[in-house]
C-alpha atoms as a PDB file:
ATOM      1  CA  MET A   1      -7.466 -78.153  -0.212  1.00  0.00           C
ATOM      2  CA  SER A   2      -6.279 -74.715   0.839  1.00  0.00           C
ATOM      3  CA  THR A   3      -5.843 -73.995   4.509  1.00  0.00           C
ATOM      4  CA  ASP A   4      -5.642 -70.216   4.470  1.00  0.00           C
ATOM      5  CA  PRO A   5      -8.435 -68.759   6.633  1.00  0.00           C
ATOM      6  CA  LEU A   6     -10.271 -66.909   3.877  1.00  0.00           C
ATOM      7  CA  SER A   7     -10.373 -69.959   1.609  1.00  0.00           C
ATOM      8  CA  LEU A   8     -11.655 -72.111   4.474  1.00  0.00           C
ATOM      9  CA  THR A   9     -14.387 -69.558   5.172  1.00  0.00           C
ATOM     10  CA  LEU A  10     -15.475 -69.289   1.549  1.00  0.00           C
ATOM     11  CA  SER A  11     -15.473 -73.063   1.203  1.00  0.00           C
ATOM     12  CA  ALA A  12     -17.605 -73.419   4.335  1.00  0.00           C
ATOM     13  CA  LEU A  13     -20.058 -70.815   3.033  1.00  0.00           C
ATOM     14  CA  ALA A  14     -20.402 -72.653  -0.271  1.00  0.00           C
ATOM     15  CA  HIS A  15     -23.006 -75.083   1.065  1.00  0.00           C
ATOM     16  CA  PRO A  16     -26.582 -73.823   1.625  1.00  0.00           C
ATOM     17  CA  ALA A  17     -27.108 -75.966   4.735  1.00  0.00           C
ATOM     18  CA  ARG A  18     -24.043 -74.449   6.391  1.00  0.00           C
ATOM     19  CA  ARG A  19     -25.160 -70.924   5.476  1.00  0.00           C
ATOM     20  CA  SER A  20     -28.561 -71.710   6.970  1.00  0.00           C
ATOM     21  CA  MET A  21     -26.975 -73.028  10.153  1.00  0.00           C
ATOM     22  CA  LEU A  22     -24.931 -69.846  10.487  1.00  0.00           C
ATOM     23  CA  ALA A  23     -28.009 -67.694   9.944  1.00  0.00           C
ATOM     24  CA  THR A  24     -29.829 -69.650  12.646  1.00  0.00           C
ATOM     25  CA  LEU A  25     -26.950 -69.093  15.062  1.00  0.00           C
ATOM     26  CA  THR A  26     -27.369 -65.314  14.792  1.00  0.00           C
ATOM     27  CA  THR A  27     -30.202 -65.708  17.316  1.00  0.00           C
ATOM     28  CA  GLY A  28     -27.849 -67.210  19.916  1.00  0.00           C
ATOM     29  CA  GLU A  29     -26.326 -70.494  21.025  1.00  0.00           C
ATOM     30  CA  LEU A  30     -28.064 -73.671  19.874  1.00  0.00           C
ATOM     31  CA  THR A  31     -27.463 -77.359  20.409  1.00  0.00           C
ATOM     32  CA  VAL A  32     -26.539 -79.648  17.540  1.00  0.00           C
ATOM     33  CA  SER A  33     -30.023 -81.172  17.566  1.00  0.00           C
ATOM     34  CA  GLU A  34     -31.609 -77.701  17.427  1.00  0.00           C
ATOM     35  CA  LEU A  35     -29.412 -76.805  14.460  1.00  0.00           C
ATOM     36  CA  ALA A  36     -30.177 -80.095  12.742  1.00  0.00           C
ATOM     37  CA  ALA A  37     -33.969 -79.913  13.213  1.00  0.00           C
ATOM     38  CA  PRO A  38     -34.846 -78.083   9.957  1.00  0.00           C
ATOM     39  CA  PHE A  39     -32.767 -80.415   7.796  1.00  0.00           C
ATOM     40  CA  ASP A  40     -33.549 -83.811   6.359  1.00  0.00           C
ATOM     41  CA  MET A  41     -30.101 -85.278   6.944  1.00  0.00           C
ATOM     42  CA  THR A  42     -28.478 -87.853   9.148  1.00  0.00           C
ATOM     43  CA  GLY A  43     -26.706 -87.010  12.387  1.00  0.00           C
ATOM     44  CA  PRO A  44     -23.288 -87.797  10.881  1.00  0.00           C
ATOM     45  CA  ALA A  45     -24.027 -85.443   7.959  1.00  0.00           C
ATOM     46  CA  VAL A  46     -24.924 -82.632  10.367  1.00  0.00           C
ATOM     47  CA  THR A  47     -21.758 -83.318  12.348  1.00  0.00           C
ATOM     48  CA  LYS A  48     -19.697 -83.175   9.166  1.00  0.00           C
ATOM     49  CA  HIS A  49     -21.169 -79.758   8.274  1.00  0.00           C
ATOM     50  CA  LEU A  50     -20.488 -78.487  11.786  1.00  0.00           C
ATOM     51  CA  LYS A  51     -16.876 -79.659  11.590  1.00  0.00           C
ATOM     52  CA  VAL A  52     -16.423 -77.711   8.348  1.00  0.00           C
ATOM     53  CA  LEU A  53     -17.855 -74.584  10.016  1.00  0.00           C
ATOM     54  CA  GLU A  54     -15.677 -75.132  13.077  1.00  0.00           C
ATOM     55  CA  ARG A  55     -12.516 -75.671  11.015  1.00  0.00           C
ATOM     56  CA  ALA A  56     -13.229 -72.384   9.228  1.00  0.00           C
ATOM     57  CA  GLY A  57     -13.582 -70.635  12.574  1.00  0.00           C
ATOM     58  CA  LEU A  58     -17.220 -69.737  11.919  1.00  0.00           C
ATOM     59  CA  ILE A  59     -18.602 -71.581  14.936  1.00  0.00           C
ATOM     60  CA  GLU A  60     -17.404 -72.590  18.346  1.00  0.00           C
ATOM     61  CA  ARG A  61     -18.634 -75.814  19.917  1.00  0.00           C
ATOM     62  CA  LEU A  62     -18.941 -75.556  23.689  1.00  0.00           C
ATOM     63  CA  ARG A  63     -19.374 -78.028  26.519  1.00  0.00           C
ATOM     64  CA  ASP A  64     -21.978 -77.192  29.105  1.00  0.00           C
ATOM     65  CA  ALA A  65     -22.602 -80.279  31.247  1.00  0.00           C
ATOM     66  CA  GLN A  66     -24.706 -82.556  29.012  1.00  0.00           C
ATOM     67  CA  ARG A  67     -25.382 -79.826  26.425  1.00  0.00           C
ATOM     68  CA  ARG A  68     -23.091 -79.198  23.478  1.00  0.00           C
ATOM     69  CA  PRO A  69     -24.168 -75.777  22.257  1.00  0.00           C
ATOM     70  CA  CYS A  70     -22.724 -74.110  19.186  1.00  0.00           C
ATOM     71  CA  ARG A  71     -21.983 -70.397  18.983  1.00  0.00           C
ATOM     72  CA  LEU A  72     -21.430 -68.159  15.954  1.00  0.00           C
ATOM     73  CA  ARG A  73     -17.990 -66.613  15.553  1.00  0.00           C
ATOM     74  CA  ALA A  74     -18.335 -63.738  13.107  1.00  0.00           C
ATOM     75  CA  LYS A  75     -14.690 -62.672  12.598  1.00  0.00           C
ATOM     76  CA  PRO A  76     -14.219 -64.802   9.454  1.00  0.00           C
ATOM     77  CA  LEU A  77     -17.375 -63.216   8.005  1.00  0.00           C
ATOM     78  CA  LYS A  78     -15.826 -59.793   8.505  1.00  0.00           C
ATOM     79  CA  ASP A  79     -12.845 -60.956   6.459  1.00  0.00           C
ATOM     80  CA  VAL A  80     -15.210 -61.973   3.626  1.00  0.00           C
ATOM     81  CA  PHE A  81     -16.920 -58.585   3.858  1.00  0.00           C
ATOM     82  CA  LEU A  82     -13.558 -56.817   3.600  1.00  0.00           C
ATOM     83  CA  LEU A  83     -12.769 -58.922   0.525  1.00  0.00           C
ATOM     84  CA  ILE A  84     -15.960 -57.985  -1.336  1.00  0.00           C
ATOM     85  CA  ARG A  85     -16.399 -54.431  -0.034  1.00  0.00           C
ATOM     86  CA  PRO A  86     -14.313 -52.817  -2.815  1.00  0.00           C
ATOM     87  CA  TYR A  87     -16.812 -54.185  -5.353  1.00  0.00           C
ATOM     88  CA  GLN A  88     -19.694 -52.286  -3.735  1.00  0.00           C
ATOM     89  CA  LYS A  89     -18.896 -49.136  -5.715  1.00  0.00           C
ATOM     90  CA  PHE A  90     -18.995 -51.150  -8.950  1.00  0.00           C
ATOM     91  CA  TRP A  91     -22.407 -52.632  -8.112  1.00  0.00           C
ATOM     92  CA  ASP A  92     -23.832 -49.315  -6.929  1.00  0.00           C
ATOM     93  CA  GLU A  93     -22.737 -47.630 -10.165  1.00  0.00           C
ATOM     94  CA  SER A  94     -24.068 -50.511 -12.263  1.00  0.00           C
ATOM     95  CA  PHE A  95     -27.470 -50.359 -10.568  1.00  0.00           C
ATOM     96  CA  ASP A  96     -27.553 -46.569 -10.990  1.00  0.00           C
ATOM     97  CA  ARG A  97     -26.897 -46.964 -14.725  1.00  0.00           C
ATOM     98  CA  LEU A  98     -29.588 -49.646 -14.975  1.00  0.00           C
ATOM     99  CA  GLU A  99     -32.056 -47.408 -13.145  1.00  0.00           C
ATOM    100  CA  GLU A 100     -31.308 -44.521 -15.536  1.00  0.00           C
ATOM    101  CA  TYR A 101     -31.701 -46.804 -18.560  1.00  0.00           C
ATOM    102  CA  LEU A 102     -35.027 -48.172 -17.337  1.00  0.00           C
ATOM    103  CA  ALA A 103     -36.286 -44.651 -16.647  1.00  0.00           C
ATOM    104  CA  GLU A 104     -35.328 -43.599 -20.183  1.00  0.00           C
ATOM    105  CA  GLN A 105     -37.084 -46.630 -21.628  1.00  0.00           C
ATOM    106  CA  ALA A 106     -40.201 -45.921 -19.596  1.00  0.00           C
ATOM    107  CA  ASP A 107     -40.235 -42.283 -20.723  1.00  0.00           C
ATOM    108  CA  GLY A 108     -39.763 -43.250 -24.358  1.00  0.00           C
ATOM    109  CA  SER A 109     -42.556 -45.806 -24.375  1.00  0.00           C
ATOM    110  CA  GLN A 110     -45.219 -43.611 -22.793  1.00  0.00           C
ATOM    111  CA  PRO A 111     -47.951 -42.612 -25.285  1.00  0.00           C
ATOM    112  CA  THR A 112     -48.144 -38.877 -25.697  1.00  0.00           C
ATOM    113  CA  GLU A 113     -51.470 -37.051 -25.472  1.00  0.00           C
ATOM    114  CA  GLN A 114     -52.411 -34.970 -28.463  1.00  0.00           C
ATOM    115  CA  ASN A 115     -54.601 -31.918 -28.290  1.00  0.00           C
ATOM    116  CA  GLY A 116     -57.268 -32.055 -30.855  1.00  0.00           C
END
């Protein structure tokens, strides 16, 4: 398994439960039990997912007396954005071409009115 930061981030993002946990953390710090609530999984499974996110640098697990809140760390997500950003021009141009094609098809399939 690769240990470079970008590979760790992409690997962590590969699982839908981890992506959901990250999305939930955009609202602020949450405890492990709050993060686990929407999922039908065991406590050890949740802990395993959190360890993957922590190892990738996507979350920080804090200690606040009896609470163990988790906090989002977005820097690795910025690195993913910088990786895929150059492809934005490709997608924008592809969607523009698709839009033009669909407009041409719509114009060509419209019945024309005939004056009689």
